[in-house]
Protein backbone atom coordinates (compact mmCIF):
# COMPACT_ATOMS: atom_id res chain seq x y z
CA UNK A 1 0.00 0.00 0.00
CA UNK A 2 1.36 3.40 -0.92
CA UNK A 3 0.18 5.98 1.59
CA UNK A 4 -2.83 6.14 3.88
CA UNK A 5 -6.42 5.90 2.77
CA UNK A 6 -9.20 8.22 3.88
CA UNK A 7 -11.90 5.84 5.11
CA UNK A 8 -14.74 8.24 4.35
CA UNK A 9 -13.83 9.10 0.74
CA UNK A 10 -11.42 6.36 -0.33
CA UNK A 11 -8.90 9.05 -1.29
CA UNK A 12 -5.17 8.80 -0.58
CA UNK A 13 -3.48 11.03 1.98
CA UNK A 14 -0.30 12.90 1.21
CA UNK A 15 1.84 15.23 3.31
CA UNK A 16 1.62 18.79 1.99
CA UNK A 17 3.71 21.82 2.82
CA UNK A 18 3.13 25.21 1.23
CA UNK A 19 5.98 27.74 1.18
CA UNK A 20 4.98 30.99 -0.55
CA UNK A 21 4.80 30.02 -4.27
CA UNK A 22 5.91 26.39 -3.72
CA UNK A 23 3.87 23.32 -2.79
CA UNK A 24 5.68 20.20 -1.58
CA UNK A 25 3.59 17.01 -1.87
CA UNK A 26 4.97 13.72 -0.57
CA UNK A 27 3.39 10.29 -0.09
CA UNK A 28 2.77 9.82 3.63
CA UNK A 29 4.39 6.37 3.75
CA UNK A 30 7.85 7.65 2.71
CA UNK A 31 8.14 10.76 4.93
CA UNK A 32 11.13 10.47 7.25
CA UNK A 33 13.08 8.10 5.00
CA UNK A 34 16.25 8.47 2.91
CA UNK A 35 16.60 6.88 -0.53
CA UNK A 36 19.96 6.69 -2.31
CA UNK A 37 21.00 5.31 -5.68
CA UNK A 38 24.35 6.13 -7.26
CA UNK A 39 24.84 9.89 -6.94
CA UNK A 40 21.09 10.57 -6.46
CA UNK A 41 19.47 10.95 -3.05
CA UNK A 42 16.01 11.77 -1.73
CA UNK A 43 16.31 12.79 1.92
CA UNK A 44 12.74 13.04 3.17
CA UNK A 45 13.80 13.62 6.79
CA UNK A 46 14.23 17.40 6.53
CA UNK A 47 11.79 20.13 7.58
CA UNK A 48 11.25 20.84 3.88
CA UNK A 49 8.99 17.78 3.57
CA UNK A 50 7.05 18.17 6.83
CA UNK A 51 3.49 19.39 6.53
CA UNK A 52 -0.15 18.47 6.94
CA UNK A 53 -1.97 15.34 5.80
CA UNK A 54 -4.37 16.08 2.95
CA UNK A 55 -6.31 13.91 0.54
CA UNK A 56 -5.64 13.99 -3.18
CA UNK A 57 -8.77 16.04 -3.96
CA UNK A 58 -7.53 18.89 -1.75
CA UNK A 59 -4.00 18.54 -3.14
CA UNK A 60 -5.30 18.92 -6.71
CA UNK A 61 -7.17 22.11 -5.76
CA UNK A 62 -4.09 23.59 -4.07
CA UNK A 63 -1.81 22.75 -7.00
CA UNK A 64 -4.01 24.76 -9.37
CA UNK A 65 -2.99 28.03 -7.72
CA UNK A 66 0.74 27.39 -7.25
CA UNK A 67 3.59 28.00 -9.70
CA UNK A 68 6.30 25.71 -8.25
CA UNK A 69 5.35 22.10 -7.51
CA UNK A 70 7.57 19.50 -5.84
CA UNK A 71 6.17 15.91 -5.93
CA UNK A 72 7.70 12.80 -4.33
CA UNK A 73 6.22 9.30 -4.20
CA UNK A 74 3.96 7.22 -6.43
CA UNK A 75 0.66 8.81 -5.46
CA UNK A 76 1.99 12.37 -5.42
CA UNK A 77 3.71 12.14 -8.81
CA UNK A 78 0.63 10.40 -10.24
CA UNK A 79 -1.39 13.53 -9.42
CA UNK A 80 1.06 15.65 -11.45
CA UNK A 81 0.84 13.23 -14.40
CA UNK A 82 -2.96 13.06 -14.17
CA UNK A 83 -3.18 16.87 -14.21
CA UNK A 84 -0.84 17.04 -17.27
CA UNK A 85 1.78 18.91 -15.26
CA UNK A 86 4.42 16.17 -15.28
CA UNK A 87 5.82 14.52 -18.40
CA UNK A 88 6.18 10.82 -17.46
CA UNK A 89 9.47 10.61 -19.39
CA UNK A 90 11.03 13.29 -17.14
CA UNK A 91 10.33 11.66 -13.76
CA UNK A 92 13.44 10.99 -11.67
CA UNK A 93 13.55 7.66 -9.80
CA UNK A 94 15.66 6.92 -6.73
CA UNK A 95 15.27 3.36 -5.41
CA UNK A 96 12.02 3.19 -7.44
CA UNK A 97 10.64 6.28 -5.67
CA UNK A 98 9.43 8.78 -8.28
CA UNK A 99 10.20 12.48 -7.93
CA UNK A 100 9.17 15.39 -10.16
CA UNK A 101 9.42 19.16 -10.02
CA UNK A 102 7.24 21.53 -12.02
CA UNK A 103 7.57 25.24 -12.72
CA UNK A 104 4.55 26.69 -14.46
CA UNK A 105 4.80 29.84 -16.54
C-alpha atoms as a PDB file:
ATOM      1  CA  UNK A   1       0.000   0.000   0.000  1.00  0.00           C
ATOM      2  CA  UNK A   2       1.365   3.405  -0.924  1.00  0.00           C
ATOM      3  CA  UNK A   3       0.177   5.979   1.589  1.00  0.00           C
ATOM      4  CA  UNK A   4      -2.825   6.140   3.884  1.00  0.00           C
ATOM      5  CA  UNK A   5      -6.425   5.898   2.773  1.00  0.00           C
ATOM      6  CA  UNK A   6      -9.201   8.222   3.879  1.00  0.00           C
ATOM      7  CA  UNK A   7     -11.897   5.839   5.115  1.00  0.00           C
ATOM      8  CA  UNK A   8     -14.743   8.242   4.348  1.00  0.00           C
ATOM      9  CA  UNK A   9     -13.831   9.102   0.739  1.00  0.00           C
ATOM     10  CA  UNK A  10     -11.420   6.359  -0.333  1.00  0.00           C
ATOM     11  CA  UNK A  11      -8.904   9.053  -1.293  1.00  0.00           C
ATOM     12  CA  UNK A  12      -5.165   8.799  -0.581  1.00  0.00           C
ATOM     13  CA  UNK A  13      -3.484  11.034   1.982  1.00  0.00           C
ATOM     14  CA  UNK A  14      -0.299  12.905   1.206  1.00  0.00           C
ATOM     15  CA  UNK A  15       1.835  15.232   3.315  1.00  0.00           C
ATOM     16  CA  UNK A  16       1.622  18.786   1.994  1.00  0.00           C
ATOM     17  CA  UNK A  17       3.711  21.820   2.820  1.00  0.00           C
ATOM     18  CA  UNK A  18       3.135  25.213   1.225  1.00  0.00           C
ATOM     19  CA  UNK A  19       5.976  27.737   1.184  1.00  0.00           C
ATOM     20  CA  UNK A  20       4.981  30.992  -0.553  1.00  0.00           C
ATOM     21  CA  UNK A  21       4.798  30.016  -4.265  1.00  0.00           C
ATOM     22  CA  UNK A  22       5.909  26.388  -3.718  1.00  0.00           C
ATOM     23  CA  UNK A  23       3.875  23.320  -2.794  1.00  0.00           C
ATOM     24  CA  UNK A  24       5.678  20.199  -1.583  1.00  0.00           C
ATOM     25  CA  UNK A  25       3.586  17.013  -1.874  1.00  0.00           C
ATOM     26  CA  UNK A  26       4.965  13.725  -0.566  1.00  0.00           C
ATOM     27  CA  UNK A  27       3.393  10.288  -0.095  1.00  0.00           C
ATOM     28  CA  UNK A  28       2.773   9.816   3.628  1.00  0.00           C
ATOM     29  CA  UNK A  29       4.388   6.368   3.746  1.00  0.00           C
ATOM     30  CA  UNK A  30       7.851   7.651   2.711  1.00  0.00           C
ATOM     31  CA  UNK A  31       8.142  10.759   4.926  1.00  0.00           C
ATOM     32  CA  UNK A  32      11.131  10.472   7.249  1.00  0.00           C
ATOM     33  CA  UNK A  33      13.084   8.104   4.997  1.00  0.00           C
ATOM     34  CA  UNK A  34      16.246   8.474   2.915  1.00  0.00           C
ATOM     35  CA  UNK A  35      16.599   6.878  -0.526  1.00  0.00           C
ATOM     36  CA  UNK A  36      19.959   6.685  -2.315  1.00  0.00           C
ATOM     37  CA  UNK A  37      20.996   5.311  -5.679  1.00  0.00           C
ATOM     38  CA  UNK A  38      24.348   6.128  -7.255  1.00  0.00           C
ATOM     39  CA  UNK A  39      24.843   9.887  -6.937  1.00  0.00           C
ATOM     40  CA  UNK A  40      21.094  10.565  -6.460  1.00  0.00           C
ATOM     41  CA  UNK A  41      19.466  10.949  -3.053  1.00  0.00           C
ATOM     42  CA  UNK A  42      16.012  11.767  -1.732  1.00  0.00           C
ATOM     43  CA  UNK A  43      16.313  12.793   1.918  1.00  0.00           C
ATOM     44  CA  UNK A  44      12.744  13.044   3.169  1.00  0.00           C
ATOM     45  CA  UNK A  45      13.803  13.615   6.789  1.00  0.00           C
ATOM     46  CA  UNK A  46      14.227  17.404   6.532  1.00  0.00           C
ATOM     47  CA  UNK A  47      11.789  20.131   7.584  1.00  0.00           C
ATOM     48  CA  UNK A  48      11.250  20.841   3.883  1.00  0.00           C
ATOM     49  CA  UNK A  49       8.995  17.776   3.569  1.00  0.00           C
ATOM     50  CA  UNK A  50       7.052  18.167   6.827  1.00  0.00           C
ATOM     51  CA  UNK A  51       3.492  19.387   6.532  1.00  0.00           C
ATOM     52  CA  UNK A  52      -0.155  18.473   6.937  1.00  0.00           C
ATOM     53  CA  UNK A  53      -1.968  15.341   5.799  1.00  0.00           C
ATOM     54  CA  UNK A  54      -4.374  16.082   2.953  1.00  0.00           C
ATOM     55  CA  UNK A  55      -6.308  13.908   0.544  1.00  0.00           C
ATOM     56  CA  UNK A  56      -5.644  13.991  -3.180  1.00  0.00           C
ATOM     57  CA  UNK A  57      -8.766  16.042  -3.962  1.00  0.00           C
ATOM     58  CA  UNK A  58      -7.532  18.886  -1.746  1.00  0.00           C
ATOM     59  CA  UNK A  59      -4.003  18.540  -3.136  1.00  0.00           C
ATOM     60  CA  UNK A  60      -5.305  18.921  -6.707  1.00  0.00           C
ATOM     61  CA  UNK A  61      -7.170  22.110  -5.755  1.00  0.00           C
ATOM     62  CA  UNK A  62      -4.092  23.586  -4.069  1.00  0.00           C
ATOM     63  CA  UNK A  63      -1.814  22.747  -7.000  1.00  0.00           C
ATOM     64  CA  UNK A  64      -4.008  24.764  -9.367  1.00  0.00           C
ATOM     65  CA  UNK A  65      -2.990  28.031  -7.718  1.00  0.00           C
ATOM     66  CA  UNK A  66       0.743  27.389  -7.248  1.00  0.00           C
ATOM     67  CA  UNK A  67       3.589  28.001  -9.696  1.00  0.00           C
ATOM     68  CA  UNK A  68       6.305  25.709  -8.250  1.00  0.00           C
ATOM     69  CA  UNK A  69       5.347  22.097  -7.510  1.00  0.00           C
ATOM     70  CA  UNK A  70       7.571  19.497  -5.844  1.00  0.00           C
ATOM     71  CA  UNK A  71       6.170  15.908  -5.928  1.00  0.00           C
ATOM     72  CA  UNK A  72       7.700  12.800  -4.332  1.00  0.00           C
ATOM     73  CA  UNK A  73       6.221   9.299  -4.205  1.00  0.00           C
ATOM     74  CA  UNK A  74       3.964   7.215  -6.434  1.00  0.00           C
ATOM     75  CA  UNK A  75       0.660   8.815  -5.456  1.00  0.00           C
ATOM     76  CA  UNK A  76       1.995  12.370  -5.416  1.00  0.00           C
ATOM     77  CA  UNK A  77       3.713  12.145  -8.811  1.00  0.00           C
ATOM     78  CA  UNK A  78       0.627  10.401 -10.242  1.00  0.00           C
ATOM     79  CA  UNK A  79      -1.389  13.534  -9.423  1.00  0.00           C
ATOM     80  CA  UNK A  80       1.057  15.646 -11.451  1.00  0.00           C
ATOM     81  CA  UNK A  81       0.843  13.234 -14.397  1.00  0.00           C
ATOM     82  CA  UNK A  82      -2.957  13.058 -14.166  1.00  0.00           C
ATOM     83  CA  UNK A  83      -3.179  16.868 -14.212  1.00  0.00           C
ATOM     84  CA  UNK A  84      -0.841  17.039 -17.273  1.00  0.00           C
ATOM     85  CA  UNK A  85       1.781  18.914 -15.261  1.00  0.00           C
ATOM     86  CA  UNK A  86       4.418  16.166 -15.281  1.00  0.00           C
ATOM     87  CA  UNK A  87       5.822  14.516 -18.398  1.00  0.00           C
ATOM     88  CA  UNK A  88       6.182  10.819 -17.459  1.00  0.00           C
ATOM     89  CA  UNK A  89       9.470  10.610 -19.390  1.00  0.00           C
ATOM     90  CA  UNK A  90      11.030  13.286 -17.136  1.00  0.00           C
ATOM     91  CA  UNK A  91      10.329  11.656 -13.763  1.00  0.00           C
ATOM     92  CA  UNK A  92      13.441  10.989 -11.671  1.00  0.00           C
ATOM     93  CA  UNK A  93      13.553   7.665  -9.801  1.00  0.00           C
ATOM     94  CA  UNK A  94      15.659   6.919  -6.734  1.00  0.00           C
ATOM     95  CA  UNK A  95      15.272   3.358  -5.412  1.00  0.00           C
ATOM     96  CA  UNK A  96      12.021   3.188  -7.441  1.00  0.00           C
ATOM     97  CA  UNK A  97      10.640   6.276  -5.665  1.00  0.00           C
ATOM     98  CA  UNK A  98       9.434   8.781  -8.280  1.00  0.00           C
ATOM     99  CA  UNK A  99      10.198  12.477  -7.931  1.00  0.00           C
ATOM    100  CA  UNK A 100       9.169  15.386 -10.157  1.00  0.00           C
ATOM    101  CA  UNK A 101       9.417  19.160 -10.024  1.00  0.00           C
ATOM    102  CA  UNK A 102       7.242  21.531 -12.017  1.00  0.00           C
ATOM    103  CA  UNK A 103       7.567  25.245 -12.720  1.00  0.00           C
ATOM    104  CA  UNK A 104       4.554  26.694 -14.458  1.00  0.00           C
ATOM    105  CA  UNK A 105       4.802  29.844 -16.539  1.00  0.00           C
END
